[in-house]
């Protein structure tokens, strides 16, 4: 699993029928200290995330193991919206802030 922030959405009116009714979001990867990296992914949203949310996402074959993405042609899926995390006892992110 990786941490990222949702930057926006991707609209594709023409797509594989297995991806019909899926929402695609642009996610910027963050490191464990909540610093953005220069990496981005497009991920299927399985949890109703939105722009600005910090999320957990999986990539590769693990992305096809949610109920929504099983056996579908996707390489990344958002499977959790993060409320908070800490590293070494120090709070790094809190959704309520």
Protein backbone atom coordinates (compact mmCIF):
# COMPACT_ATOMS: atom_id res chain seq x y z
CA UNK A 1 0.00 0.00 0.00
CA UNK A 2 1.06 3.55 -0.70
CA UNK A 3 -0.04 6.96 0.57
CA UNK A 4 -1.17 9.71 -1.77
CA UNK A 5 -3.31 12.80 -2.18
CA UNK A 6 -6.15 13.04 -4.66
CA UNK A 7 -5.50 15.92 -7.07
CA UNK A 8 -8.42 15.51 -9.45
CA UNK A 9 -10.33 13.20 -11.72
CA UNK A 10 -9.99 11.66 -15.15
CA UNK A 11 -13.00 11.62 -17.45
CA UNK A 12 -12.99 8.96 -20.17
CA UNK A 13 -16.19 8.57 -22.15
CA UNK A 14 -14.66 5.76 -24.21
CA UNK A 15 -13.25 2.98 -22.07
CA UNK A 16 -13.22 -0.78 -21.66
CA UNK A 17 -16.69 -1.99 -20.68
CA UNK A 18 -15.23 -3.60 -17.54
CA UNK A 19 -14.43 -0.08 -16.31
CA UNK A 20 -17.91 1.33 -16.92
CA UNK A 21 -19.34 3.01 -13.79
CA UNK A 22 -15.90 3.42 -12.19
CA UNK A 23 -14.52 6.76 -11.05
CA UNK A 24 -10.89 7.45 -11.99
CA UNK A 25 -8.81 9.79 -9.82
CA UNK A 26 -5.36 11.32 -10.20
CA UNK A 27 -3.26 10.59 -7.10
CA UNK A 28 0.10 12.16 -6.21
CA UNK A 29 2.28 9.77 -4.21
CA UNK A 30 3.50 11.04 -0.80
CA UNK A 31 6.31 9.70 1.37
CA UNK A 32 5.89 8.50 4.98
CA UNK A 33 6.43 12.07 6.26
CA UNK A 34 3.62 13.40 4.03
CA UNK A 35 5.98 15.02 1.54
CA UNK A 36 4.73 14.87 -2.06
CA UNK A 37 6.91 13.06 -4.58
CA UNK A 38 7.13 13.55 -8.34
CA UNK A 39 5.12 10.35 -8.97
CA UNK A 40 1.48 10.21 -10.00
CA UNK A 41 -1.01 7.43 -10.72
CA UNK A 42 -4.53 7.17 -12.05
CA UNK A 43 -6.51 4.95 -9.69
CA UNK A 44 -9.99 3.46 -9.61
CA UNK A 45 -11.85 4.86 -6.61
CA UNK A 46 -13.42 2.11 -4.48
CA UNK A 47 -14.25 4.28 -1.44
CA UNK A 48 -15.82 7.54 -2.68
CA UNK A 49 -12.66 9.63 -2.22
CA UNK A 50 -12.50 13.19 -3.49
CA UNK A 51 -10.09 15.94 -4.38
CA UNK A 52 -7.90 16.83 -1.41
CA UNK A 53 -8.33 13.50 0.39
CA UNK A 54 -5.28 11.62 1.61
CA UNK A 55 -5.71 8.00 0.60
CA UNK A 56 -4.19 4.53 0.72
CA UNK A 57 -3.88 2.89 -2.66
CA UNK A 58 -2.55 -0.36 -4.02
CA UNK A 59 -0.93 -0.91 -7.38
CA UNK A 60 -0.05 -3.84 -9.57
CA UNK A 61 -1.91 -7.13 -9.21
CA UNK A 62 -3.08 -6.11 -5.71
CA UNK A 63 -5.22 -3.43 -7.35
CA UNK A 64 -7.47 -6.13 -8.77
CA UNK A 65 -8.35 -7.63 -5.38
CA UNK A 66 -11.16 -5.31 -4.26
CA UNK A 67 -14.80 -6.12 -4.88
CA UNK A 68 -15.05 -3.23 -7.37
CA UNK A 69 -11.87 -4.04 -9.32
CA UNK A 70 -11.78 -7.83 -9.30
CA UNK A 71 -10.83 -9.10 -12.76
CA UNK A 72 -10.83 -5.58 -14.23
CA UNK A 73 -8.01 -3.97 -16.23
CA UNK A 74 -6.66 -1.59 -13.61
CA UNK A 75 -3.23 -1.04 -12.13
CA UNK A 76 -4.16 1.11 -9.10
CA UNK A 77 -7.09 1.29 -6.71
CA UNK A 78 -7.91 3.63 -3.84
CA UNK A 79 -9.15 1.45 -0.98
CA UNK A 80 -9.09 3.76 2.06
CA UNK A 81 -9.41 7.43 2.98
CA UNK A 82 -6.84 8.28 5.68
CA UNK A 83 -7.98 9.92 8.91
CA UNK A 84 -4.50 10.23 10.44
CA UNK A 85 -1.07 8.65 10.68
CA UNK A 86 2.02 8.99 12.80
CA UNK A 87 5.68 8.07 12.43
CA UNK A 88 7.75 7.33 15.51
CA UNK A 89 5.03 8.68 17.79
CA UNK A 90 4.86 12.01 15.94
CA UNK A 91 1.60 12.93 14.20
CA UNK A 92 2.30 13.41 10.50
CA UNK A 93 -1.26 13.89 9.21
CA UNK A 94 -4.67 14.48 10.74
CA UNK A 95 -7.69 14.84 8.48
CA UNK A 96 -9.44 17.06 11.04
CA UNK A 97 -6.71 19.74 10.94
